[in-house]
Amino acid sequence: MVKKISSENINSLNEEDDPPSTLVFKKELDSFLITKNIEIVSEFKRCYALWKEFSSQKTLFDTWEFRLAFYRAYRYKPYFLLLKNGSKNLALLPLWYDETKKKYTWFGSDWQEEISFFTKNPDYLPLLISAAPSPLYLNAISKESIEPIKDKISFERDDSKYILDLEGFKNHEDYLTRGLKKNRRRNLRKDRNRILKQKPEIIINNFADFDYLVKISKKRFEERGMKTDWEDPRRIKTFEEVIKLGGKSYQTRMITVKINEEIAGVDLICLHKKTYFTLKCGYNVKKFHGIGNFINLLEIDDAIKLGMKKIDFLQNNYGWKNQYFQSQPLFKFRK
């Protein structure tokens, strides 16, 4: 389905409800629409074609297959806002309407991060964002992507993401000695040695262990009196689909640690363009103290052996990431 937005549609918006960042471009947008077109594209095959045209595939979250995994689980209708000049495509804002949160978000949900705007020229972005529907929530936008338009649109700081640059590291010991303070280095080695003494078995790519990842993670959160996103069966299906779709634009990897035939921890990882993305984990911390730190060091060695240039530990600090990894700022926009 393709729906054209005319200048009349834009003028019918209630300006009292619009934030300043939208009002600034209202008149400019009206004149722009005289010679340009904005279309809403929902037909799935065309959405795919537009994604392929605009996406740089720079990060895992830029890949169609990773976003497709979320679509297969949630089935929210695509709402791709396309800016055109005649038959020429200029910029694309790939959205869907989240029926649970009652707002427009990125196609593939607000779980995505380090988002880059899809445009042939950054000057088109204020116009496209102004034409976007409300309520709108665009999260985890990369600093590089907002830099050309930060004086025209008001962005807020979002939670940072955390990166470990592996350049020059031969193993986890290089990380410990070069990147950490003495006390943290000692604590990590202590946890690693504690697990090693229990003779752990390391299993690679037994994807059937995803069920244990979910089970262990849910149990840990329940013990802390907290809920997890695994309570929603659609989130479980999402990452089942992430695993199924691996092998196309990205590779999936799973690390399982067993001690005395019991699973102590499971990590789901994606590999894309020399980056090692630690997506989801489940650790039996109560019984196997130090298992999280053990697996983090194990993954540093694993990433180096695979020729990865960095590890992406994703967004949100959770009270510990900033102590061990470099933060990378992200931004958000709401209206």
Protein backbone atom coordinates (compact mmCIF):
# COMPACT_ATOMS: atom_id res chain seq x y z
CA MET A 1 0.00 0.00 0.00
CA VAL A 2 1.30 3.45 -0.95
CA LYS A 3 -0.35 6.58 0.42
CA LYS A 4 0.67 10.07 -0.69
CA ILE A 5 0.81 12.89 1.83
CA SER A 6 -0.17 16.26 0.39
CA SER A 7 0.52 19.72 1.74
CA GLU A 8 -3.13 19.83 2.79
CA ASN A 9 -2.56 16.84 5.06
CA ILE A 10 0.40 18.58 6.65
CA ASN A 11 -1.52 21.82 7.14
CA SER A 12 -4.34 19.96 8.87
CA LEU A 13 -2.04 19.03 11.74
CA ASN A 14 -2.77 20.78 15.00
CA GLU A 15 0.21 23.10 15.41
CA GLU A 16 -0.49 23.58 19.11
CA ASP A 17 0.32 19.91 19.63
CA ASP A 18 3.56 20.03 17.65
CA PRO A 19 6.96 20.45 19.34
CA PRO A 20 9.16 23.38 18.23
CA SER A 21 11.39 21.10 16.14
CA THR A 22 8.36 20.26 13.98
CA LEU A 23 6.96 23.79 13.69
CA VAL A 24 10.26 25.22 12.48
CA PHE A 25 9.98 23.22 9.28
CA LYS A 26 6.22 23.45 8.69
CA LYS A 27 6.30 26.25 6.13
CA GLU A 28 9.42 24.93 4.49
CA LEU A 29 7.79 21.53 4.18
CA ASP A 30 4.69 22.98 2.48
CA SER A 31 6.74 24.60 -0.27
CA PHE A 32 8.90 21.52 -0.57
CA LEU A 33 5.86 19.34 -1.31
CA ILE A 34 5.01 21.41 -4.38
CA THR A 35 7.83 19.72 -6.29
CA LYS A 36 8.56 16.73 -4.09
CA ASN A 37 6.53 13.77 -2.84
CA ILE A 38 6.31 11.97 0.46
CA GLU A 39 4.85 8.49 0.37
CA ILE A 40 3.90 5.96 3.02
CA VAL A 41 5.05 2.54 1.89
CA SER A 42 3.64 -0.54 3.63
CA GLU A 43 3.85 -3.17 0.90
CA PHE A 44 6.44 -5.62 2.20
CA LYS A 45 8.40 -6.36 -0.96
CA ARG A 46 8.79 -2.68 -1.69
CA CYS A 47 9.89 -2.00 1.89
CA TYR A 48 12.58 -4.63 1.41
CA ALA A 49 13.71 -3.05 -1.88
CA LEU A 50 13.90 0.40 -0.27
CA TRP A 51 15.87 -0.98 2.66
CA LYS A 52 18.38 -2.51 0.26
CA GLU A 53 18.65 0.79 -1.58
CA PHE A 54 19.30 2.94 1.48
CA SER A 55 20.94 0.79 4.16
CA SER A 56 24.70 0.94 4.49
CA GLN A 57 24.72 -2.42 6.33
CA LYS A 58 27.31 -0.78 8.60
CA THR A 59 26.18 -2.47 11.80
CA LEU A 60 24.14 -5.55 12.68
CA PHE A 61 21.12 -3.31 13.25
CA ASP A 62 21.33 -1.99 9.68
CA THR A 63 20.76 -5.44 8.22
CA TRP A 64 17.37 -6.40 6.83
CA GLU A 65 17.53 -9.91 8.29
CA PHE A 66 18.01 -8.70 11.87
CA ARG A 67 15.02 -6.35 11.59
CA LEU A 68 13.06 -9.10 9.82
CA ALA A 69 13.43 -11.33 12.89
CA PHE A 70 11.48 -8.77 14.93
CA TYR A 71 8.87 -8.38 12.21
CA ARG A 72 8.24 -12.13 12.08
CA ALA A 73 7.60 -12.14 15.83
CA TYR A 74 5.56 -8.94 16.28
CA ARG A 75 3.90 -8.56 12.86
CA TYR A 76 3.40 -4.81 13.17
CA LYS A 77 2.65 -3.22 9.81
CA PRO A 78 5.57 -1.39 8.18
CA TYR A 79 5.19 2.37 7.85
CA PHE A 80 8.07 3.51 5.66
CA LEU A 81 8.11 7.26 5.03
CA LEU A 82 9.75 7.87 1.66
CA LEU A 83 10.87 11.27 0.40
CA LYS A 84 11.03 11.51 -3.38
CA ASN A 85 11.74 13.90 -6.20
CA GLY A 86 9.77 12.51 -9.10
CA SER A 87 11.02 8.96 -9.54
CA LYS A 88 14.18 9.58 -7.51
CA ASN A 89 14.25 8.33 -3.90
CA LEU A 90 15.89 10.83 -1.57
CA ALA A 91 15.43 9.67 2.04
CA LEU A 92 13.67 6.95 3.99
CA LEU A 93 12.34 6.76 7.56
CA PRO A 94 11.56 3.06 8.23
CA LEU A 95 8.93 2.85 10.97
CA TRP A 96 6.15 0.70 12.27
CA TYR A 97 3.31 1.42 14.69
CA ASP A 98 3.92 -0.39 17.98
CA GLU A 99 0.42 -1.46 19.01
CA THR A 100 1.53 -2.22 22.57
CA LYS A 101 3.31 1.06 23.25
CA LYS A 102 0.89 3.06 21.08
CA LYS A 103 3.57 4.96 19.20
CA TYR A 104 5.58 4.90 15.99
CA THR A 105 9.07 3.47 16.40
CA TRP A 106 11.79 2.04 14.20
CA PHE A 107 10.81 -0.85 11.97
CA GLY A 108 11.94 -3.76 14.09
CA SER A 109 11.14 -2.06 17.45
CA ASP A 110 13.09 0.21 19.77
CA TRP A 111 15.41 -2.71 20.63
CA GLN A 112 17.60 -1.58 17.74
CA GLU A 113 20.57 0.69 18.35
CA GLU A 114 23.33 2.78 16.75
CA ILE A 115 20.78 3.76 14.12
CA SER A 116 21.85 5.69 11.05
CA PHE A 117 19.34 7.78 9.12
CA PHE A 118 18.69 6.59 5.57
CA THR A 119 19.24 9.53 3.23
CA LYS A 120 21.09 10.54 0.11
CA ASN A 121 21.71 13.96 1.70
CA PRO A 122 21.37 14.99 5.39
CA ASP A 123 19.57 18.19 4.34
CA TYR A 124 16.48 16.10 3.58
CA LEU A 125 16.18 14.77 7.12
CA PRO A 126 14.47 17.71 8.91
CA LEU A 127 11.75 17.70 6.28
CA LEU A 128 11.23 13.98 6.51
CA ILE A 129 11.17 13.93 10.32
CA SER A 130 8.73 16.86 10.32
CA ALA A 131 6.36 14.86 8.14
CA ALA A 132 6.56 11.79 10.39
CA PRO A 133 3.47 10.85 12.42
CA SER A 134 2.97 11.33 16.14
CA PRO A 135 3.51 9.98 18.70
CA LEU A 136 6.99 9.17 17.44
CA TYR A 137 9.95 7.68 19.30
CA LEU A 138 13.27 7.36 17.50
CA ASN A 139 15.85 5.96 19.90
CA ALA A 140 19.52 4.97 19.92
CA ILE A 141 20.56 7.17 16.99
CA SER A 142 24.27 7.32 16.25
CA LYS A 143 26.22 10.51 16.94
CA GLU A 144 27.54 10.47 13.38
CA SER A 145 24.00 10.49 12.02
CA ILE A 146 22.75 13.49 14.01
CA GLU A 147 25.86 15.64 13.57
CA PRO A 148 24.81 17.30 10.27
CA ILE A 149 21.33 18.23 11.57
CA LYS A 150 21.77 18.80 15.31
CA ASP A 151 21.29 22.56 14.86
CA LYS A 152 17.96 22.02 13.09
CA ILE A 153 16.41 19.28 15.23
CA SER A 154 16.56 18.92 19.00
CA PHE A 155 17.86 15.51 19.98
CA GLU A 156 18.11 14.18 23.53
CA ARG A 157 20.86 12.00 24.95
CA ASP A 158 19.90 8.36 25.10
CA ASP A 159 21.57 5.62 27.16
CA SER A 160 25.09 4.99 25.89
CA LYS A 161 26.33 1.75 24.41
CA TYR A 162 29.60 0.06 25.37
CA ILE A 163 32.45 -1.06 23.13
CA LEU A 164 35.72 -2.92 23.59
CA ASP A 165 38.31 -2.17 20.91
CA LEU A 166 40.37 -5.33 20.32
CA GLU A 167 43.08 -3.73 18.20
CA GLY A 168 46.49 -4.84 19.48
CA PHE A 169 45.11 -7.51 21.84
CA LYS A 170 46.38 -11.09 21.54
CA ASN A 171 44.19 -12.43 24.37
CA HIS A 172 42.18 -11.41 27.41
CA GLU A 173 45.37 -10.85 29.43
CA ASP A 174 46.27 -7.95 27.16
CA TYR A 175 42.86 -6.45 27.96
CA LEU A 176 43.35 -6.96 31.70
CA THR A 177 46.82 -5.47 31.87
CA ARG A 178 46.26 -2.54 29.52
CA GLY A 179 42.70 -1.50 30.11
CA LEU A 180 41.82 -2.03 33.78
CA LYS A 181 42.70 -0.81 37.22
CA LYS A 182 44.47 -3.21 39.54
CA ASN A 183 41.46 -4.06 41.74
CA ARG A 184 39.16 -4.82 38.81
CA ARG A 185 41.88 -6.86 37.13
CA ARG A 186 42.34 -8.91 40.29
CA ASN A 187 38.59 -9.52 40.69
CA LEU A 188 38.19 -10.71 37.11
CA ARG A 189 41.10 -13.12 37.40
CA LYS A 190 39.71 -14.38 40.69
CA ASP A 191 36.33 -15.15 39.12
CA ARG A 192 37.96 -16.77 36.10
CA ASN A 193 40.12 -19.02 38.26
CA ARG A 194 37.13 -19.94 40.44
CA ILE A 195 35.27 -21.26 37.37
CA LEU A 196 38.38 -22.92 35.87
CA LYS A 197 38.85 -24.96 39.05
CA GLN A 198 35.43 -26.49 38.42
CA LYS A 199 36.64 -27.79 35.02
CA PRO A 200 34.05 -26.11 32.79
CA GLU A 201 33.07 -27.60 29.45
CA ILE A 202 32.86 -25.01 26.64
CA ILE A 203 30.36 -25.81 23.91
CA ILE A 204 30.17 -23.77 20.71
CA ASN A 205 27.04 -23.35 18.58
CA ASN A 206 24.62 -25.73 20.25
CA PHE A 207 21.70 -23.45 19.42
CA ALA A 208 19.25 -25.76 21.18
CA ASP A 209 20.65 -24.23 24.37
CA PHE A 210 18.74 -21.05 23.59
CA ASP A 211 15.89 -22.54 25.64
CA TYR A 212 18.23 -22.72 28.63
CA LEU A 213 19.37 -19.14 28.04
CA VAL A 214 15.78 -17.95 28.36
CA LYS A 215 15.04 -20.18 31.34
CA ILE A 216 18.14 -19.17 33.29
CA SER A 217 17.67 -15.49 32.53
CA LYS A 218 14.03 -15.49 33.63
CA LYS A 219 14.91 -17.30 36.84
CA ARG A 220 17.66 -14.84 37.71
CA PHE A 221 15.38 -11.85 37.22
CA GLU A 222 12.62 -13.51 39.25
CA GLU A 223 15.05 -14.08 42.13
CA ARG A 224 15.77 -10.34 42.07
CA GLY A 225 12.07 -9.48 41.99
CA MET A 226 12.31 -8.12 38.44
CA LYS A 227 10.59 -8.85 35.16
CA THR A 228 12.41 -9.60 31.94
CA ASP A 229 11.48 -9.12 28.29
CA TRP A 230 11.35 -12.90 28.00
CA GLU A 231 7.93 -12.73 29.65
CA ASP A 232 6.62 -11.74 26.22
CA PRO A 233 6.62 -14.84 23.96
CA ARG A 234 7.12 -12.56 20.95
CA ARG A 235 10.56 -11.63 22.28
CA ILE A 236 11.48 -15.30 22.52
CA LYS A 237 10.31 -15.85 18.94
CA THR A 238 12.32 -12.82 17.82
CA PHE A 239 15.61 -14.33 18.88
CA GLU A 240 14.66 -17.75 17.60
CA GLU A 241 14.27 -15.97 14.26
CA VAL A 242 17.60 -14.16 14.74
CA ILE A 243 19.21 -17.58 15.00
CA LYS A 244 17.33 -18.96 11.97
CA LEU A 245 18.27 -15.97 9.79
CA GLY A 246 21.96 -16.20 10.66
CA GLY A 247 24.25 -17.00 7.76
CA LYS A 248 22.99 -14.28 5.43
CA SER A 249 23.99 -10.73 6.35
CA TYR A 250 25.36 -11.80 9.75
CA GLN A 251 26.56 -14.95 11.51
CA THR A 252 25.11 -16.30 14.75
CA ARG A 253 27.21 -17.91 17.45
CA MET A 254 26.36 -19.47 20.81
CA ILE A 255 28.65 -20.21 23.74
CA THR A 256 27.49 -22.60 26.45
CA VAL A 257 29.42 -23.28 29.64
CA LYS A 258 28.60 -26.51 31.50
CA ILE A 259 29.92 -27.50 34.91
CA ASN A 260 29.29 -31.03 36.19
CA GLU A 261 26.79 -31.56 33.35
CA GLU A 262 24.78 -28.51 34.43
CA ILE A 263 24.50 -25.40 32.29
CA ALA A 264 26.10 -22.48 34.10
CA GLY A 265 25.73 -19.90 31.36
CA VAL A 266 24.68 -19.35 27.75
CA ASP A 267 25.44 -16.43 25.44
CA LEU A 268 23.94 -15.61 22.03
CA ILE A 269 26.29 -13.66 19.77
CA CYS A 270 26.12 -12.17 16.28
CA LEU A 271 29.10 -11.48 14.05
CA HIS A 272 28.93 -8.71 11.48
CA LYS A 273 31.73 -6.81 9.72
CA LYS A 274 34.43 -7.72 12.24
CA THR A 275 32.22 -6.81 15.22
CA TYR A 276 31.25 -9.31 17.90
CA PHE A 277 27.76 -8.42 19.20
CA THR A 278 26.86 -9.90 22.60
CA LEU A 279 23.08 -10.01 22.22
CA LYS A 280 21.54 -12.08 24.99
CA CYS A 281 22.75 -14.11 27.95
CA GLY A 282 21.57 -16.32 30.77
CA TYR A 283 23.86 -16.98 33.78
CA ASN A 284 23.27 -19.13 36.86
CA VAL A 285 25.10 -16.66 39.09
CA LYS A 286 23.55 -18.00 42.29
CA LYS A 287 25.14 -21.42 41.90
CA PHE A 288 28.20 -20.52 39.81
CA HIS A 289 29.55 -17.30 41.26
CA GLY A 290 31.73 -15.43 38.77
CA ILE A 291 30.29 -17.10 35.68
CA GLY A 292 29.47 -13.77 34.03
CA ASN A 293 33.03 -12.45 34.32
CA PHE A 294 34.39 -15.81 33.21
CA ILE A 295 32.31 -15.73 30.03
CA ASN A 296 33.20 -12.10 29.31
CA LEU A 297 36.90 -12.98 29.31
CA LEU A 298 36.20 -16.14 27.34
CA GLU A 299 34.41 -14.05 24.71
CA ILE A 300 37.33 -11.63 24.43
CA ASP A 301 39.55 -14.58 23.53
CA ASP A 302 36.90 -15.98 21.21
CA ALA A 303 36.45 -12.68 19.37
CA ILE A 304 40.21 -12.25 18.91
CA LYS A 305 40.57 -15.79 17.53
CA LEU A 306 37.76 -15.09 15.06
CA GLY A 307 39.54 -11.97 13.81
CA MET A 308 37.04 -9.49 15.22
CA LYS A 309 38.10 -5.85 15.63
CA LYS A 310 35.75 -4.96 18.47
CA ILE A 311 33.12 -6.31 20.84
CA ASP A 312 29.80 -4.50 21.06
CA PHE A 313 28.31 -5.00 24.53
CA LEU A 314 25.23 -3.03 23.50
CA GLN A 315 23.26 -0.27 25.16
CA ASN A 316 22.55 0.39 28.86
CA ASN A 317 25.12 0.32 31.62
CA TYR A 318 23.29 -2.02 34.05
CA GLY A 319 25.55 -0.62 36.76
CA TRP A 320 28.79 -2.23 35.56
CA LYS A 321 29.67 -1.83 31.85
CA ASN A 322 31.17 1.63 32.24
CA GLN A 323 33.76 0.18 34.60
CA TYR A 324 35.14 -2.15 31.93
CA PHE A 325 34.37 -0.79 28.46
CA GLN A 326 34.34 2.46 26.50
CA SER A 327 31.01 4.28 26.33
CA GLN A 328 29.65 5.48 23.00
CA PRO A 329 26.93 8.16 23.05
CA LEU A 330 23.54 7.60 21.43
CA PHE A 331 20.64 10.01 20.92
CA LYS A 332 16.86 10.03 20.64
CA PHE A 333 14.05 12.11 19.21
CA ARG A 334 10.43 12.27 20.36
CA LYS A 335 7.31 14.06 19.26
